Each structure stands twice: as structure tokens, then as C-alpha cells.
């Protein structure tokens, strides 16, 4: 499920997928606060 191209970092800043490396990130979803995984120009929920 693609959710967005942005996530929230540990400092509460909005971060673009272009600013992250692929794989598991420290980013959280801005809507539900779940962890995110970066995959080829999109973010996915950690399930």
C-alpha cells in the first residue's frame, strides 16, 4: 500500500522520500504514527 512521499522524523520534521535511503527508516506516518519503509520512490507501512 503506497501512502505518501513524506514521513515524520524523530525531531518532528517532514522528510521527503528523496532524502532517505532505501529500507527501514526512523520515519513515522504523519497520519497514524506507524513506522515506514522506503522503497523505490515511495514509503510503505512497517507491517
Protein backbone atom coordinates (compact mmCIF):
# COMPACT_ATOMS: atom_id res chain seq x y z
CA UNK A 1 0.00 0.00 0.00
CA UNK A 2 1.58 3.31 -1.06
CA UNK A 3 0.85 6.06 1.42
CA UNK A 4 2.84 9.16 0.67
CA UNK A 5 6.21 10.53 -0.34
CA UNK A 6 6.86 12.08 3.10
CA UNK A 7 7.29 10.91 6.68
CA UNK A 8 7.98 12.49 10.06
CA UNK A 9 11.47 12.05 11.56
CA UNK A 10 12.40 11.77 15.25
CA UNK A 11 12.64 15.58 15.51
CA UNK A 12 9.08 16.02 14.17
CA UNK A 13 10.24 17.33 10.78
CA UNK A 14 8.56 16.39 7.48
CA UNK A 15 11.11 14.44 5.38
CA UNK A 16 10.85 13.60 1.66
CA UNK A 17 11.50 10.06 0.43
CA UNK A 18 14.24 11.57 -1.75
CA UNK A 19 16.16 12.43 1.45
CA UNK A 20 16.21 8.85 2.78
CA UNK A 21 17.98 5.61 1.94
CA UNK A 22 16.05 2.54 0.86
CA UNK A 23 14.97 0.12 3.55
CA UNK A 24 13.75 0.54 7.10
CA UNK A 25 13.75 4.14 8.29
CA UNK A 26 13.19 6.05 11.53
CA UNK A 27 10.33 7.88 9.79
CA UNK A 28 6.74 7.68 11.04
CA UNK A 29 3.49 8.12 9.12
CA UNK A 30 2.11 11.63 9.59
CA UNK A 31 -1.44 10.22 9.81
CA UNK A 32 -1.19 7.16 12.07
CA UNK A 33 2.35 7.32 13.52
CA UNK A 34 3.31 3.82 12.27
CA UNK A 35 6.89 3.14 11.16
CA UNK A 36 7.74 3.43 7.46
CA UNK A 37 9.96 1.55 4.99
CA UNK A 38 11.45 3.40 1.99
CA UNK A 39 11.10 1.57 -1.34
CA UNK A 40 11.89 2.95 -4.80
CA UNK A 41 10.47 6.48 -4.54
CA UNK A 42 7.65 5.61 -2.12
CA UNK A 43 7.11 4.85 1.55
CA UNK A 44 5.27 1.81 2.92
CA UNK A 45 3.99 0.94 6.40
CA UNK A 46 6.04 -1.46 8.50
CA UNK A 47 3.75 -4.45 8.93
